[in-house]
Amino acid sequence: QVQLVESGGGLVQPGGSLRLSCAASGFTLDYYVIGWFRQAPGKEREGVSCISRSGGRIYYADSVKGRFTISKDNAKNTVYLQMNSLKPEDTAVYYCAADTHDKYGSSWSKGDLYDYWGQGTQVTVSS
């Protein structure tokens, strides 16, 4: 059974950092693209970052470039999202998603193209 479990969310002050984890079970990351998405109250879901099956292609939303870093540890079957210089507008529920098809161009940010989703983890950036 394919399962994704996010963790690492919490409350952090502006300018702080968090590292989110997306632990996969029931499948190996070698064969899956992993995307991070977020959804704030009253807003549409948006793509945050994506890492290809090989790890050689990475995408970021413009709003997080230079602040967030996605990485994967195949040995632990886990993908991470390191979030630095957090801003109040980063407040949202963060989800990871998986799909077997590599993404190109802007398709990485289209949530409908991912088959499997985690339950989400809340990130709140506030003083």
Foldseek 3Di string as FASTA:
>chain_A
DWAWAKDFADEAAAQAKIKIKIAIPPDFLLQKKKWKWWDDPPDDIWTAKIAFSNRPDIDGDPVQPPFWDWDDDRVRSMIMIIGGRDDQVVWTWMKMFIDRDGDDDPPSTDPVRTDDIHPTDTHGYHD
